[in-house]
Amino acid sequence: MIVEGPNLRGLAEGRRLPHVYTQDPARLCLYLPGTGEWRPELRLDETMLPWSVIWFFYFEDWLESDDWKGGGKHPGDDEPFEN
């Protein structure tokens, strides 16, 4: 999911965006590819849309706390975060 607006990098005020595949444009990390969490036959209104809302919830918290509490697996991690 690519975010065209609002400008997430502007909201981050120079900080590197958390839990995204790409910074510019901001491409949200909503699922771990290759795990079957998402497949093309799944409905977007039941997967990507609610997952994006949750991502934005944690993003807004991160803006204030500078701590990503949304969990997930990041490149280089051995195990997914437990949250």
PDB file of N, CA and C in Angstrom:
ATOM      1  N   MET A   1       0.848  -1.160   0.000  1.00  0.00           N
ATOM      2  CA  MET A   1       0.000   0.000   0.000  1.00  0.00           C
ATOM      3  C   MET A   1       0.896   1.226   0.000  1.00  0.00           C
ATOM      4  N   ILE A   2       0.754   2.064  -0.998  1.00  0.00           N
ATOM      5  CA  ILE A   2       1.522   3.302  -1.110  1.00  0.00           C
ATOM      6  C   ILE A   2       0.664   4.456  -0.608  1.00  0.00           C
ATOM      7  N   VAL A   3       1.248   5.298   0.234  1.00  0.00           N
ATOM      8  CA  VAL A   3       0.538   6.446   0.798  1.00  0.00           C
ATOM      9  C   VAL A   3       0.941   7.693   0.028  1.00  0.00           C
ATOM     10  N   GLU A   4      -0.036   8.307  -0.633  1.00  0.00           N
ATOM     11  CA  GLU A   4       0.222   9.541  -1.377  1.00  0.00           C
ATOM     12  C   GLU A   4      -0.022  10.767  -0.505  1.00  0.00           C
ATOM     13  N   GLY A   5      -0.864  10.657   0.472  1.00  0.00           N
ATOM     14  CA  GLY A   5      -1.147  11.765   1.378  1.00  0.00           C
ATOM     15  C   GLY A   5      -1.841  11.237   2.603  1.00  0.00           C
ATOM     16  N   PRO A   6      -1.563  11.747   3.739  1.00  0.00           N
ATOM     17  CA  PRO A   6      -0.715  12.896   4.005  1.00  0.00           C
ATOM     18  C   PRO A   6       0.761  12.562   3.790  1.00  0.00           C
ATOM     19  N   ASN A   7       1.581  13.577   3.817  1.00  0.00           N
ATOM     20  CA  ASN A   7       3.019  13.408   3.650  1.00  0.00           C
ATOM     21  C   ASN A   7       3.594  12.833   4.950  1.00  0.00           C
ATOM     22  N   LEU A   8       3.811  11.529   4.968  1.00  0.00           N
ATOM     23  CA  LEU A   8       4.288  10.862   6.181  1.00  0.00           C
ATOM     24  C   LEU A   8       5.691  11.315   6.559  1.00  0.00           C
ATOM     25  N   ARG A   9       6.523  11.552   5.586  1.00  0.00           N
ATOM     26  CA  ARG A   9       7.892  12.007   5.882  1.00  0.00           C
ATOM     27  C   ARG A   9       7.872  13.389   6.510  1.00  0.00           C
ATOM     28  N   GLY A  10       6.960  14.237   6.067  1.00  0.00           N
ATOM     29  CA  GLY A  10       6.815  15.552   6.681  1.00  0.00           C
ATOM     30  C   GLY A  10       6.346  15.437   8.125  1.00  0.00           C
ATOM     31  N   LEU A  11       5.395  14.553   8.362  1.00  0.00           N
ATOM     32  CA  LEU A  11       4.912  14.331   9.724  1.00  0.00           C
ATOM     33  C   LEU A  11       6.007  13.772  10.626  1.00  0.00           C
ATOM     34  N   ALA A  12       6.914  12.978  10.042  1.00  0.00           N
ATOM     35  CA  ALA A  12       7.999  12.362  10.810  1.00  0.00           C
ATOM     36  C   ALA A  12       9.093  13.367  11.163  1.00  0.00           C
ATOM     37  N   GLU A  13       9.065  14.549  10.565  1.00  0.00           N
ATOM     38  CA  GLU A  13      10.000  15.637  10.869  1.00  0.00           C
ATOM     39  C   GLU A  13      11.461  15.186  10.834  1.00  0.00           C
ATOM     40  N   GLY A  14      11.842  14.549   9.720  1.00  0.00           N
ATOM     41  CA  GLY A  14      13.238  14.164   9.523  1.00  0.00           C
ATOM     42  C   GLY A  14      13.597  12.776  10.005  1.00  0.00           C
ATOM     43  N   ARG A  15      12.736  12.162  10.785  1.00  0.00           N
ATOM     44  CA  ARG A  15      13.014  10.793  11.240  1.00  0.00           C
ATOM     45  C   ARG A  15      12.702   9.805  10.128  1.00  0.00           C
ATOM     46  N   ARG A  16      13.410   8.707  10.142  1.00  0.00           N
ATOM     47  CA  ARG A  16      13.170   7.632   9.174  1.00  0.00           C
ATOM     48  C   ARG A  16      11.838   6.973   9.515  1.00  0.00           C
ATOM     49  N   LEU A  17      10.987   6.789   8.500  1.00  0.00           N
ATOM     50  CA  LEU A  17       9.681   6.173   8.731  1.00  0.00           C
ATOM     51  C   LEU A  17       9.844   4.739   9.228  1.00  0.00           C
ATOM     52  N   PRO A  18       9.054   4.348  10.211  1.00  0.00           N
ATOM     53  CA  PRO A  18       9.130   2.980  10.724  1.00  0.00           C
ATOM     54  C   PRO A  18       8.248   2.043   9.910  1.00  0.00           C
ATOM     55  N   HIS A  19       8.620   0.819   9.874  1.00  0.00           N
ATOM     56  CA  HIS A  19       7.796  -0.274   9.355  1.00  0.00           C
ATOM     57  C   HIS A  19       7.205   0.007   7.972  1.00  0.00           C
ATOM     58  N   VAL A  20       8.096   0.386   7.040  1.00  0.00           N
ATOM     59  CA  VAL A  20       7.717   0.588   5.644  1.00  0.00           C
ATOM     60  C   VAL A  20       8.710  -0.169   4.764  1.00  0.00           C
ATOM     61  N   TYR A  21       8.259  -0.510   3.571  1.00  0.00           N
ATOM     62  CA  TYR A  21       9.161  -1.153   2.603  1.00  0.00           C
ATOM     63  C   TYR A  21      10.029  -0.109   1.917  1.00  0.00           C
ATOM     64  N   THR A  22       9.438   1.056   1.609  1.00  0.00           N
ATOM     65  CA  THR A  22      10.178   2.151   0.992  1.00  0.00           C
ATOM     66  C   THR A  22       9.808   3.453   1.686  1.00  0.00           C
ATOM     67  N   GLN A  23      10.758   4.384   1.725  1.00  0.00           N
ATOM     68  CA  GLN A  23      10.542   5.676   2.372  1.00  0.00           C
ATOM     69  C   GLN A  23       9.816   6.667   1.467  1.00  0.00           C
ATOM     70  N   ASP A  24      10.198   6.686   0.171  1.00  0.00           N
ATOM     71  CA  ASP A  24       9.625   7.674  -0.733  1.00  0.00           C
ATOM     72  C   ASP A  24       9.396   7.054  -2.098  1.00  0.00           C
ATOM     73  N   PRO A  25       8.179   6.730  -2.439  1.00  0.00           N
ATOM     74  CA  PRO A  25       6.985   6.986  -1.647  1.00  0.00           C
ATOM     75  C   PRO A  25       6.890   6.006  -0.477  1.00  0.00           C
ATOM     76  N   ALA A  26       6.152   6.408   0.548  1.00  0.00           N
ATOM     77  CA  ALA A  26       5.961   5.545   1.715  1.00  0.00           C
ATOM     78  C   ALA A  26       5.117   4.337   1.300  1.00  0.00           C
ATOM     79  N   ARG A  27       5.719   3.168   1.381  1.00  0.00           N
ATOM     80  CA  ARG A  27       5.029   1.920   1.044  1.00  0.00           C
ATOM     81  C   ARG A  27       4.913   1.114   2.340  1.00  0.00           C
ATOM     82  N   LEU A  28       3.713   1.070   2.888  1.00  0.00           N
ATOM     83  CA  LEU A  28       3.483   0.473   4.199  1.00  0.00           C
ATOM     84  C   LEU A  28       3.770  -1.021   4.221  1.00  0.00           C
ATOM     85  N   CYS A  29       4.367  -1.460   5.300  1.00  0.00           N
ATOM     86  CA  CYS A  29       4.576  -2.894   5.527  1.00  0.00           C
ATOM     87  C   CYS A  29       3.363  -3.391   6.302  1.00  0.00           C
ATOM     88  N   LEU A  30       2.470  -4.084   5.611  1.00  0.00           N
ATOM     89  CA  LEU A  30       1.225  -4.546   6.215  1.00  0.00           C
ATOM     90  C   LEU A  30       1.197  -6.048   6.439  1.00  0.00           C
ATOM     91  N   TYR A  31       2.060  -6.786   5.758  1.00  0.00           N
ATOM     92  CA  TYR A  31       2.110  -8.242   5.897  1.00  0.00           C
ATOM     93  C   TYR A  31       3.490  -8.722   5.475  1.00  0.00           C
ATOM     94  N   LEU A  32       3.823  -9.922   5.883  1.00  0.00           N
ATOM     95  CA  LEU A  32       5.127 -10.493   5.551  1.00  0.00           C
ATOM     96  C   LEU A  32       4.999 -11.336   4.285  1.00  0.00           C
ATOM     97  N   PRO A  33       5.563 -10.868   3.168  1.00  0.00           N
ATOM     98  CA  PRO A  33       5.452 -11.616   1.910  1.00  0.00           C
ATOM     99  C   PRO A  33       5.979 -13.044   2.052  1.00  0.00           C
ATOM    100  N   GLY A  34       5.344 -13.950   1.335  1.00  0.00           N
ATOM    101  CA  GLY A  34       5.781 -15.340   1.315  1.00  0.00           C
ATOM    102  C   GLY A  34       5.237 -16.187   2.445  1.00  0.00           C
ATOM    103  N   THR A  35       4.430 -15.591   3.320  1.00  0.00           N
ATOM    104  CA  THR A  35       3.894 -16.337   4.457  1.00  0.00           C
ATOM    105  C   THR A  35       2.445 -16.755   4.261  1.00  0.00           C
ATOM    106  N   GLY A  36       1.793 -16.239   3.222  1.00  0.00           N
ATOM    107  CA  GLY A  36       0.390 -16.551   2.996  1.00  0.00           C
ATOM    108  C   GLY A  36      -0.562 -15.660   3.773  1.00  0.00           C
ATOM    109  N   GLU A  37      -0.023 -14.662   4.500  1.00  0.00           N
ATOM    110  CA  GLU A  37      -0.904 -13.749   5.234  1.00  0.00           C
ATOM    111  C   GLU A  37      -1.844 -13.020   4.279  1.00  0.00           C
ATOM    112  N   TRP A  38      -1.343 -12.709   3.089  1.00  0.00           N
ATOM    113  CA  TRP A  38      -2.183 -12.080   2.079  1.00  0.00           C
ATOM    114  C   TRP A  38      -1.963 -12.780   0.754  1.00  0.00           C
ATOM    115  N   ARG A  39      -3.062 -12.991   0.047  1.00  0.00           N
ATOM    116  CA  ARG A  39      -3.046 -13.588  -1.288  1.00  0.00           C
ATOM    117  C   ARG A  39      -3.982 -12.773  -2.172  1.00  0.00           C
ATOM    118  N   PRO A  40      -3.753 -12.728  -3.480  1.00  0.00           N
ATOM    119  CA  PRO A  40      -4.570 -11.899  -4.369  1.00  0.00           C
ATOM    120  C   PRO A  40      -6.066 -12.202  -4.310  1.00  0.00           C
ATOM    121  N   GLU A  41      -6.436 -13.404  -3.935  1.00  0.00           N
ATOM    122  CA  GLU A  41      -7.871 -13.724  -3.894  1.00  0.00           C
ATOM    123  C   GLU A  41      -8.572 -13.216  -2.628  1.00  0.00           C
ATOM    124  N   LEU A  42      -7.813 -12.675  -1.679  1.00  0.00           N
ATOM    125  CA  LEU A  42      -8.411 -12.136  -0.455  1.00  0.00           C
ATOM    126  C   LEU A  42      -9.000 -10.753  -0.731  1.00  0.00           C
ATOM    127  N   ARG A  43     -10.063 -10.441  -0.029  1.00  0.00           N
ATOM    128  CA  ARG A  43     -10.745  -9.162  -0.211  1.00  0.00           C
ATOM    129  C   ARG A  43      -9.934  -8.030   0.429  1.00  0.00           C
ATOM    130  N   LEU A  44      -9.785  -6.948  -0.313  1.00  0.00           N
ATOM    131  CA  LEU A  44      -9.036  -5.802   0.193  1.00  0.00           C
ATOM    132  C   LEU A  44      -9.727  -5.143   1.382  1.00  0.00           C
ATOM    133  N   ASP A  45     -11.077  -5.127   1.377  1.00  0.00           N
ATOM    134  CA  ASP A  45     -11.798  -4.506   2.482  1.00  0.00           C
ATOM    135  C   ASP A  45     -11.709  -5.326   3.768  1.00  0.00           C
ATOM    136  N   GLU A  46     -11.259  -6.558   3.658  1.00  0.00           N
ATOM    137  CA  GLU A  46     -11.104  -7.412   4.837  1.00  0.00           C
ATOM    138  C   GLU A  46      -9.632  -7.601   5.228  1.00  0.00           C
ATOM    139  N   THR A  47      -8.734  -7.077   4.420  1.00  0.00           N
ATOM    140  CA  THR A  47      -7.300  -7.257   4.695  1.00  0.00           C
ATOM    141  C   THR A  47      -6.580  -5.909   4.663  1.00  0.00           C
ATOM    142  N   MET A  48      -6.255  -5.442   3.488  1.00  0.00           N
ATOM    143  CA  MET A  48      -5.428  -4.238   3.342  1.00  0.00           C
ATOM    144  C   MET A  48      -6.025  -3.006   4.006  1.00  0.00           C
ATOM    145  N   LEU A  49      -7.311  -2.796   3.872  1.00  0.00           N
ATOM    146  CA  LEU A  49      -7.924  -1.609   4.456  1.00  0.00           C
ATOM    147  C   LEU A  49      -7.836  -1.617   5.983  1.00  0.00           C
ATOM    148  N   PRO A  50      -8.309  -2.664   6.683  1.00  0.00           N
ATOM    149  CA  PRO A  50      -8.163  -2.647   8.142  1.00  0.00           C
ATOM    150  C   PRO A  50      -6.706  -2.690   8.595  1.00  0.00           C
ATOM    151  N   TRP A  51      -5.841  -3.395   7.866  1.00  0.00           N
ATOM    152  CA  TRP A  51      -4.427  -3.433   8.236  1.00  0.00           C
ATOM    153  C   TRP A  51      -3.813  -2.041   8.133  1.00  0.00           C
ATOM    154  N   SER A  52      -4.241  -1.265   7.124  1.00  0.00           N
ATOM    155  CA  SER A  52      -3.735   0.100   6.966  1.00  0.00           C
ATOM    156  C   SER A  52      -4.195   0.983   8.116  1.00  0.00           C
ATOM    157  N   VAL A  53      -5.437   0.838   8.521  1.00  0.00           N
ATOM    158  CA  VAL A  53      -5.953   1.614   9.649  1.00  0.00           C
ATOM    159  C   VAL A  53      -5.128   1.318  10.903  1.00  0.00           C
ATOM    160  N   ILE A  54      -4.841   0.056  11.139  1.00  0.00           N
ATOM    161  CA  ILE A  54      -4.031  -0.335  12.301  1.00  0.00           C
ATOM    162  C   ILE A  54      -2.624   0.252  12.179  1.00  0.00           C
ATOM    163  N   TRP A  55      -2.048   0.188  10.966  1.00  0.00           N
ATOM    164  CA  TRP A  55      -0.715   0.760  10.760  1.00  0.00           C
ATOM    165  C   TRP A  55      -0.715   2.236  11.130  1.00  0.00           C
ATOM    166  N   PHE A  56      -1.742   2.979  10.681  1.00  0.00           N
ATOM    167  CA  PHE A  56      -1.814   4.404  10.986  1.00  0.00           C
ATOM    168  C   PHE A  56      -2.003   4.660  12.482  1.00  0.00           C
ATOM    169  N   PHE A  57      -2.711   3.804  13.171  1.00  0.00           N
ATOM    170  CA  PHE A  57      -2.848   3.920  14.626  1.00  0.00           C
ATOM    171  C   PHE A  57      -1.462   3.883  15.273  1.00  0.00           C
ATOM    172  N   TYR A  58      -0.668   2.871  14.892  1.00  0.00           N
ATOM    173  CA  TYR A  58       0.674   2.750  15.464  1.00  0.00           C
ATOM    174  C   TYR A  58       1.609   3.859  14.979  1.00  0.00           C
ATOM    175  N   PHE A  59       1.418   4.333  13.774  1.00  0.00           N
ATOM    176  CA  PHE A  59       2.224   5.440  13.260  1.00  0.00           C
ATOM    177  C   PHE A  59       1.982   6.699  14.080  1.00  0.00           C
ATOM    178  N   GLU A  60       0.721   6.999  14.362  1.00  0.00           N
ATOM    179  CA  GLU A  60       0.420   8.189  15.156  1.00  0.00           C
ATOM    180  C   GLU A  60       1.019   8.072  16.554  1.00  0.00           C
ATOM    181  N   ASP A  61       0.994   6.879  17.125  1.00  0.00           N
ATOM    182  CA  ASP A  61       1.638   6.671  18.421  1.00  0.00           C
ATOM    183  C   ASP A  61       3.146   6.882  18.300  1.00  0.00           C
ATOM    184  N   TRP A  62       3.748   6.351  17.230  1.00  0.00           N
ATOM    185  CA  TRP A  62       5.184   6.497  16.997  1.00  0.00           C
ATOM    186  C   TRP A  62       5.577   7.967  16.869  1.00  0.00           C
ATOM    187  N   LEU A  63       4.726   8.782  16.215  1.00  0.00           N
ATOM    188  CA  LEU A  63       5.027  10.204  16.083  1.00  0.00           C
ATOM    189  C   LEU A  63       5.261  10.852  17.442  1.00  0.00           C
ATOM    190  N   GLU A  64       4.522  10.424  18.442  1.00  0.00           N
ATOM    191  CA  GLU A  64       4.644  10.992  19.790  1.00  0.00           C
ATOM    192  C   GLU A  64       5.722  10.306  20.622  1.00  0.00           C
ATOM    193  N   SER A  65       5.832   8.975  20.498  1.00  0.00           N
ATOM    194  CA  SER A  65       6.709   8.215  21.403  1.00  0.00           C
ATOM    195  C   SER A  65       8.078   7.873  20.808  1.00  0.00           C
ATOM    196  N   ASP A  66       8.192   7.915  19.480  1.00  0.00           N
ATOM    197  CA  ASP A  66       9.396   7.493  18.766  1.00  0.00           C
ATOM    198  C   ASP A  66       9.701   6.008  19.002  1.00  0.00           C
ATOM    199  N   ASP A  67       8.669   5.239  19.315  1.00  0.00           N
ATOM    200  CA  ASP A  67       8.807   3.804  19.562  1.00  0.00           C
ATOM    201  C   ASP A  67       7.711   3.082  18.769  1.00  0.00           C
ATOM    202  N   TRP A  68       8.115   2.245  17.798  1.00  0.00           N
ATOM    203  CA  TRP A  68       7.132   1.502  16.995  1.00  0.00           C
ATOM    204  C   TRP A  68       6.608   0.339  17.827  1.00  0.00           C
ATOM    205  N   LYS A  69       5.331   0.390  18.178  1.00  0.00           N
ATOM    206  CA  LYS A  69       4.716  -0.625  19.025  1.00  0.00           C
ATOM    207  C   LYS A  69       3.827  -1.574  18.229  1.00  0.00           C
ATOM    208  N   GLY A  70       3.854  -1.456  16.904  1.00  0.00           N
ATOM    209  CA  GLY A  70       2.982  -2.250  16.052  1.00  0.00           C
ATOM    210  C   GLY A  70       3.486  -3.644  15.748  1.00  0.00           C
ATOM    211  N   GLY A  71       4.665  -3.986  16.230  1.00  0.00           N
ATOM    212  CA  GLY A  71       5.199  -5.318  15.974  1.00  0.00           C
ATOM    213  C   GLY A  71       5.616  -5.486  14.530  1.00  0.00           C
ATOM    214  N   GLY A  72       5.781  -6.724  14.136  1.00  0.00           N
ATOM    215  CA  GLY A  72       6.163  -7.031  12.771  1.00  0.00           C
ATOM    216  C   GLY A  72       7.589  -7.522  12.673  1.00  0.00           C
ATOM    217  N   LYS A  73       7.930  -7.967  11.512  1.00  0.00           N
ATOM    218  CA  LYS A  73       9.281  -8.439  11.233  1.00  0.00           C
ATOM    219  C   LYS A  73       9.943  -7.436  10.304  1.00  0.00           C
ATOM    220  N   HIS A  74      11.181  -7.110  10.601  1.00  0.00           N
ATOM    221  CA  HIS A  74      11.919  -6.132   9.815  1.00  0.00           C
ATOM    222  C   HIS A  74      13.110  -6.818   9.164  1.00  0.00           C
ATOM    223  N   PRO A  75      13.585  -6.312   8.035  1.00  0.00           N
ATOM    224  CA  PRO A  75      14.746  -6.923   7.390  1.00  0.00           C
ATOM    225  C   PRO A  75      15.896  -7.096   8.379  1.00  0.00           C
ATOM    226  N   GLY A  76      16.456  -8.295   8.425  1.00  0.00           N
ATOM    227  CA  GLY A  76      17.559  -8.583   9.321  1.00  0.00           C
ATOM    228  C   GLY A  76      17.134  -9.198  10.639  1.00  0.00           C
ATOM    229  N   ASP A  77      15.835  -9.166  10.944  1.00  0.00           N
ATOM    230  CA  ASP A  77      15.352  -9.787  12.176  1.00  0.00           C
ATOM    231  C   ASP A  77      15.320 -11.298  12.012  1.00  0.00           C
ATOM    232  N   ASP A  78      15.656 -12.004  13.069  1.00  0.00           N
ATOM    233  CA  ASP A  78      15.559 -13.457  13.044  1.00  0.00           C
ATOM    234  C   ASP A  78      14.139 -13.930  13.330  1.00  0.00           C
ATOM    235  N   GLU A  79      13.451 -13.265  14.232  1.00  0.00           N
ATOM    236  CA  GLU A  79      12.103 -13.645  14.635  1.00  0.00           C
ATOM    237  C   GLU A  79      11.188 -12.426  14.612  1.00  0.00           C
ATOM    238  N   PRO A  80       9.890 -12.603  14.304  1.00  0.00           N
ATOM    239  CA  PRO A  80       8.963 -11.475  14.362  1.00  0.00           C
ATOM    240  C   PRO A  80       8.840 -10.946  15.787  1.00  0.00           C
ATOM    241  N   PHE A  81       8.524  -9.649  15.895  1.00  0.00           N
ATOM    242  CA  PHE A  81       8.272  -9.071  17.199  1.00  0.00           C
ATOM    243  C   PHE A  81       6.995  -9.645  17.772  1.00  0.00           C
ATOM    244  N   GLU A  82       6.936  -9.805  19.059  1.00  0.00           N
ATOM    245  CA  GLU A  82       5.732 -10.275  19.734  1.00  0.00           C
ATOM    246  C   GLU A  82       5.019  -9.093  20.342  1.00  0.00           C
ATOM    247  N   ASN A  83       3.902  -8.680  19.768  1.00  0.00           N
ATOM    248  CA  ASN A  83       3.083  -7.601  20.317  1.00  0.00           C
ATOM    249  C   ASN A  83       1.644  -7.910  20.088  1.00  0.00           C
TER     250      ASN A  83
END
